[in-house]
Protein backbone atom coordinates (compact mmCIF):
# COMPACT_ATOMS: atom_id res chain seq x y z
CA UNK A 1 83.79 196.12 51.54
CA UNK A 2 81.54 196.81 48.26
CA UNK A 3 77.90 197.68 48.96
CA UNK A 4 75.14 195.85 46.93
CA UNK A 5 73.24 198.07 44.86
CA UNK A 6 69.58 197.77 44.05
CA UNK A 7 67.31 200.07 41.67
CA UNK A 8 63.30 200.21 41.57
CA UNK A 9 61.74 201.38 38.70
CA UNK A 10 58.39 202.84 39.20
CA UNK A 11 55.62 202.65 36.65
CA UNK A 12 54.61 205.75 34.77
CA UNK A 13 53.59 205.01 31.10
CA UNK A 14 55.33 207.03 28.69
CA UNK A 15 57.13 208.71 31.41
CA UNK A 16 58.91 205.41 31.85
CA UNK A 17 61.33 205.82 29.16
CA UNK A 18 62.92 208.24 31.36
CA UNK A 19 64.24 205.08 33.16
CA UNK A 20 66.28 204.82 30.38
CA UNK A 21 68.27 207.63 30.27
CA UNK A 22 68.63 207.37 34.08
CA UNK A 23 70.28 203.78 33.68
CA UNK A 24 72.70 205.36 31.12
CA UNK A 25 73.84 207.80 33.94
CA UNK A 26 74.41 205.04 36.43
CA UNK A 27 76.23 203.19 33.74
CA UNK A 28 78.23 206.14 32.44
CA UNK A 29 79.53 206.52 36.21
CA UNK A 30 80.12 202.66 36.46
CA UNK A 31 78.13 201.77 39.43
CA UNK A 32 77.03 198.47 39.12
CA UNK A 33 73.63 197.49 40.11
CA UNK A 34 72.90 193.91 40.93
CA UNK A 35 69.27 193.76 41.09
CA UNK A 36 66.43 195.78 39.62
CA UNK A 37 62.86 195.79 40.40
CA UNK A 38 59.97 197.51 38.36
CA UNK A 39 56.14 197.73 37.66
CA UNK A 40 54.50 198.70 34.71
CA UNK A 41 56.81 200.69 32.18
CA UNK A 42 59.55 200.14 34.72
CA UNK A 43 59.29 196.27 34.70
CA UNK A 44 59.66 196.35 31.11
CA UNK A 45 62.99 198.43 30.82
CA UNK A 46 64.23 196.51 33.93
CA UNK A 47 63.50 193.66 32.16
CA UNK A 48 65.49 194.09 29.45
CA UNK A 49 68.04 195.82 31.45
CA UNK A 50 68.51 192.94 33.88
CA UNK A 51 69.15 190.46 30.83
CA UNK A 52 71.98 192.58 30.03
CA UNK A 53 71.38 195.15 27.40
CA UNK A 54 72.55 198.61 28.08
CA UNK A 55 70.20 201.32 28.33
CA UNK A 56 71.85 202.86 24.66
CA UNK A 57 70.44 199.37 23.33
CA UNK A 58 67.23 199.90 24.87
CA UNK A 59 66.79 203.15 23.37
CA UNK A 60 67.62 202.20 19.72
CA UNK A 61 65.99 198.43 20.30
CA UNK A 62 62.88 200.67 21.18
CA UNK A 63 62.83 203.14 18.55
CA UNK A 64 63.80 200.16 15.80
CA UNK A 65 60.70 198.24 17.21
CA UNK A 66 58.15 201.22 16.79
CA UNK A 67 57.41 200.72 20.66
CA UNK A 68 57.30 204.61 20.88
CA UNK A 69 54.23 204.50 18.46
CA UNK A 70 51.00 202.92 20.20
CA UNK A 71 49.25 201.96 17.14
CA UNK A 72 52.07 200.36 16.03
CA UNK A 73 52.73 198.04 19.18
CA UNK A 74 49.12 197.98 20.62
CA UNK A 75 46.27 197.00 18.83
CA UNK A 76 42.48 196.90 19.66
CA UNK A 77 41.42 194.20 21.76
CA UNK A 78 38.11 192.48 20.57
CA UNK A 79 38.00 189.52 22.91
CA UNK A 80 35.85 190.11 25.99
CA UNK A 81 38.48 189.75 28.45
CA UNK A 82 38.20 193.17 30.39
CA UNK A 83 40.21 195.12 28.45
CA UNK A 84 40.36 197.58 25.20
CA UNK A 85 43.84 196.92 23.96
CA UNK A 86 45.91 193.53 23.47
CA UNK A 87 48.98 193.36 24.55
CA UNK A 88 50.29 190.13 22.72
CA UNK A 89 52.53 192.18 20.10
CA UNK A 90 54.53 193.72 22.48
CA UNK A 91 55.17 190.43 24.32
CA UNK A 92 56.47 188.54 21.07
CA UNK A 93 58.35 191.77 20.96
CA UNK A 94 60.10 191.37 24.25
CA UNK A 95 60.39 187.48 23.96
CA UNK A 96 62.17 188.43 20.53
CA UNK A 97 64.92 190.02 22.33
CA UNK A 98 64.64 187.82 26.09
CA UNK A 99 64.33 184.09 23.98
CA UNK A 100 65.32 182.40 26.70
CA UNK A 101 61.82 184.00 28.94
CA UNK A 102 63.32 182.72 32.03
CA UNK A 103 64.40 184.81 35.53
CA UNK A 104 66.92 182.53 36.56
CA UNK A 105 68.66 183.42 32.94
CA UNK A 106 68.84 187.38 33.48
CA UNK A 107 72.46 188.32 34.22
CA UNK A 108 70.74 190.46 36.94
CA UNK A 109 68.88 189.58 39.88
CA UNK A 110 64.94 190.76 38.73
CA UNK A 111 61.97 191.58 40.16
CA UNK A 112 58.08 192.76 39.07
CA UNK A 113 55.38 192.84 40.78
CA UNK A 114 51.56 191.95 40.06
CA UNK A 115 48.15 192.14 41.50
CA UNK A 116 45.98 189.05 41.33
CA UNK A 117 42.80 189.33 40.86
CA UNK A 118 41.61 186.35 42.63
CA UNK A 119 43.14 186.79 45.76
CA UNK A 120 43.50 190.37 45.70
CA UNK A 121 46.77 190.12 47.15
CA UNK A 122 50.18 191.91 45.64
CA UNK A 123 52.75 188.84 44.37
CA UNK A 124 56.34 189.66 43.60
CA UNK A 125 57.83 187.91 40.81
CA UNK A 126 60.95 186.49 40.34
CA UNK A 127 61.51 182.91 39.40
CA UNK A 128 60.54 180.30 37.16
CA UNK A 129 59.74 180.79 33.34
CA UNK A 130 57.03 182.39 31.32
CA UNK A 131 58.81 186.19 32.17
CA UNK A 132 57.44 187.86 29.34
CA UNK A 133 53.84 187.08 30.54
CA UNK A 134 54.66 188.07 33.93
CA UNK A 135 56.04 191.72 32.66
CA UNK A 136 52.64 191.91 30.59
CA UNK A 137 51.01 191.36 33.61
CA UNK A 138 52.50 193.93 35.16
CA UNK A 139 52.07 196.24 32.29
CA UNK A 140 48.17 195.84 32.61
CA UNK A 141 46.18 198.75 33.68
CA UNK A 142 42.92 198.58 33.78
CA UNK A 143 40.65 199.19 32.27
CA UNK A 144 43.06 200.02 29.26
CA UNK A 145 44.54 196.24 29.23
CA UNK A 146 43.25 193.35 29.43
CA UNK A 147 44.28 191.14 32.56
CA UNK A 148 46.66 188.35 32.05
CA UNK A 149 45.76 185.11 32.71
CA UNK A 150 48.16 182.51 34.48
CA UNK A 151 46.85 179.39 35.79
CA UNK A 152 43.61 179.64 37.03
CA UNK A 153 44.42 183.55 38.23
CA UNK A 154 44.16 186.84 36.67
CA UNK A 155 46.80 189.87 37.03
CA UNK A 156 46.54 193.40 36.72
CA UNK A 157 49.47 195.97 36.96
CA UNK A 158 51.12 195.53 40.67
CA UNK A 159 51.22 199.55 40.39
CA UNK A 160 47.95 199.58 41.94
CA UNK A 161 49.59 198.36 45.42
CA UNK A 162 52.76 199.16 44.93
CA UNK A 163 54.46 201.04 42.52
CA UNK A 164 57.84 201.04 43.06
CA UNK A 165 58.81 197.64 44.62
CA UNK A 166 61.14 197.93 47.75
CA UNK A 167 60.83 194.51 49.53
CA UNK A 168 62.35 192.51 46.60
CA UNK A 169 65.86 194.51 47.40
CA UNK A 170 65.42 193.94 51.08
CA UNK A 171 65.19 190.50 51.09
CA UNK A 172 68.28 190.54 48.01
CA UNK A 173 70.42 192.13 51.28
CA UNK A 174 71.05 195.76 48.91
CA UNK A 175 73.00 197.86 51.00
CA UNK A 176 71.81 200.92 48.48
CA UNK A 177 68.33 201.07 47.13
CA UNK A 178 67.52 203.66 44.94
CA UNK A 179 64.03 204.47 44.16
CA UNK A 180 63.15 205.90 40.79
CA UNK A 181 59.62 208.00 41.10
CA UNK A 182 58.29 209.40 38.24
CA UNK A 183 56.54 212.58 39.12
CA UNK A 184 52.75 211.41 37.80
CA UNK A 185 50.78 213.69 40.30
CA UNK A 186 50.76 217.17 38.91
CA UNK A 187 48.47 220.56 39.12
CA UNK A 188 45.71 220.58 36.78
CA UNK A 189 43.41 223.46 36.41
CA UNK A 190 40.83 221.87 34.37
CA UNK A 191 40.64 218.18 33.07
CA UNK A 192 38.51 216.84 30.20
CA UNK A 193 36.29 214.29 32.06
CA UNK A 194 36.99 211.49 29.63
CA UNK A 195 40.69 211.75 30.94
CA UNK A 196 39.17 211.21 34.83
CA UNK A 197 40.08 207.62 35.36
CA UNK A 198 43.63 208.22 34.29
CA UNK A 199 43.74 210.83 36.87
CA UNK A 200 42.34 208.66 39.68
CA UNK A 201 45.20 206.56 38.82
CA UNK A 202 47.66 208.92 39.16
CA UNK A 203 46.47 209.64 42.82
CA UNK A 204 46.23 205.67 43.46
CA UNK A 205 50.04 205.09 42.40
CA UNK A 206 51.21 208.72 44.09
CA UNK A 207 49.91 207.36 47.46
CA UNK A 208 51.68 204.04 46.93
CA UNK A 209 54.95 205.47 46.37
CA UNK A 210 54.45 207.60 49.31
CA UNK A 211 53.93 204.95 51.39
CA UNK A 212 57.34 202.77 50.50
CA UNK A 213 59.63 206.03 50.43
CA UNK A 214 61.29 205.45 53.70
CA UNK A 215 62.24 201.79 53.01
CA UNK A 216 64.91 203.39 49.97
CA UNK A 217 68.20 204.52 50.94
CA UNK A 218 67.72 206.96 48.08
CA UNK A 219 64.36 208.35 46.15
CA UNK A 220 64.73 210.05 43.03
CA UNK A 221 62.03 211.98 41.51
CA UNK A 222 61.58 212.61 37.90
CA UNK A 223 59.55 215.14 36.32
CA UNK A 224 59.17 215.09 32.80
CA UNK A 225 57.44 218.52 32.67
CA UNK A 226 54.58 219.52 30.43
CA UNK A 227 54.52 216.43 28.44
CA UNK A 228 51.42 214.36 28.48
CA UNK A 229 51.55 210.79 30.37
CA UNK A 230 50.78 209.30 26.90
CA UNK A 231 53.33 210.70 25.00
CA UNK A 232 55.18 208.23 23.65
CA UNK A 233 56.45 209.76 20.61
CA UNK A 234 58.92 211.99 22.92
CA UNK A 235 60.68 208.99 24.02
CA UNK A 236 63.97 210.60 23.60
CA UNK A 237 63.12 213.42 25.26
CA UNK A 238 62.35 211.70 28.28
CA UNK A 239 65.31 209.61 27.87
CA UNK A 240 67.50 213.13 28.18
CA UNK A 241 65.23 214.14 31.36
CA UNK A 242 66.43 210.86 32.96
CA UNK A 243 69.75 211.22 31.81
CA UNK A 244 69.81 214.43 33.63
CA UNK A 245 68.14 213.64 36.58
CA UNK A 246 71.08 210.52 37.00
CA UNK A 247 73.65 212.85 36.48
CA UNK A 248 72.55 215.19 39.11
CA UNK A 249 71.69 212.16 41.45
CA UNK A 250 75.40 210.21 41.10
CA UNK A 251 77.06 213.98 41.65
CA UNK A 252 75.17 214.23 44.88
CA UNK A 253 75.29 210.48 45.98
CA UNK A 254 79.43 210.19 45.27
CA UNK A 255 79.33 213.44 47.31
CA UNK A 256 77.27 211.94 50.52
CA UNK A 257 79.22 208.80 50.22
CA UNK A 258 82.80 210.65 50.18
CA UNK A 259 81.79 213.03 53.25
CA UNK A 260 81.23 209.96 55.21
CA UNK A 261 84.10 207.80 54.48
CA UNK A 262 86.28 211.32 55.75
CA UNK A 263 83.98 211.77 58.92
CA UNK A 264 84.95 208.03 59.67
CA UNK A 265 88.74 208.89 58.61
CA UNK A 266 88.51 211.97 61.02
CA UNK A 267 90.09 211.97 64.65
CA UNK A 268 87.93 211.78 67.49
CA UNK A 269 88.68 214.32 70.41
CA UNK A 270 88.22 212.86 73.86
CA UNK A 271 89.47 212.69 77.14
CA UNK A 272 92.07 210.36 78.22
CA UNK A 273 91.87 209.61 81.75
CA UNK A 274 94.53 207.48 83.96
CA UNK A 275 94.73 206.58 87.13
CA UNK A 276 94.82 209.69 88.58
CA UNK A 277 92.37 211.51 86.27
CA UNK A 278 93.23 213.44 83.26
CA UNK A 279 96.78 212.39 81.09
CA UNK A 280 97.01 216.22 80.42
CA UNK A 281 100.52 215.36 78.34
CA UNK A 282 98.51 212.54 75.85
CA UNK A 283 95.78 214.81 75.29
CA UNK A 284 98.23 217.62 74.57
CA UNK A 285 99.40 214.96 72.21
CA UNK A 286 96.81 214.62 70.38
CA UNK A 287 95.80 218.11 69.56
CA UNK A 288 99.47 218.31 68.19
CA UNK A 289 98.62 215.67 66.14
CA UNK A 290 95.21 217.09 64.73
CA UNK A 291 97.20 220.82 63.63
CA UNK A 292 99.73 218.68 61.56
CA UNK A 293 98.90 219.68 57.79
CA UNK A 294 97.50 216.67 56.03
CA UNK A 295 98.32 215.47 52.43
CA UNK A 296 96.63 213.28 50.25
CA UNK A 297 95.44 212.53 46.89
CA UNK A 298 92.23 213.20 45.58
CA UNK A 299 90.93 211.51 43.46
CA UNK A 300 80.21 199.42 27.63
CA UNK A 301 78.49 199.72 24.39
CA UNK A 302 77.65 197.78 21.51
CA UNK A 303 74.94 199.46 19.61
CA UNK A 304 72.25 197.82 17.95
CA UNK A 305 72.57 197.89 14.44
CA UNK A 306 70.80 200.18 12.35
CA UNK A 307 67.97 203.04 13.65
CA UNK A 308 65.25 203.34 11.75
CA UNK A 309 63.99 206.61 10.93
């Protein structure tokens, strides 16, 4: 019986581009993902993957749209609504590639999480319309991005309470729950005071990741190395990091699965009682059977047209 596989992609700003490489390694290995959840950058990458785009298509798409250049995709926010960056242009880009803008029409089950600033409660969104708006809400890191208003409530990045949502995977009945955690919290000898707020957010996100780990069957920690968390221009480098981590994970994961299968197949030796005690002949027969040699055999992609330089 095949197992249902779900993946959760954490937030991580520019580091989130590594999710594309990780998903590429998963696809290359022929692993079918049925459900995907995400927060912040993980929510954006997850939505495109759930819509049916291959990881390589997503990589080319981001390059074509200039989404690796902050000044190209984001604009200063001159409205007095709680943020210094406007995400409307990014939302239009997402609507361009997912024009139906609906959760139910995605090819995979997809959830993103947000923080309701009115009720101070986390909300996991996985149905209805306004897909692009909910993804933007999941990206809205305070104080950089303005909160997103839906109905009478305002929403921020769900990573403030859970940067790697696992509960939807549990509700969907996923037997294998793989969390892809971007390593944000790294030691620093000295930091500029202007970056302290970002450092505090990193710690908050780290704490939420630690709380949810035990609910995953696998957690992969991706370390993007010396590059800064806002170094969006290094998106191809982050892709390679994620791909290498993904390949290493697949090798170990398949090895463990094979070991579990072999352990289930291995005969169990035990004592076989009869009416007078131990049936020695039957027991010896079992040992002879174990000594017999066992022989056995071991053992898509359409590119987005044109990449702009």
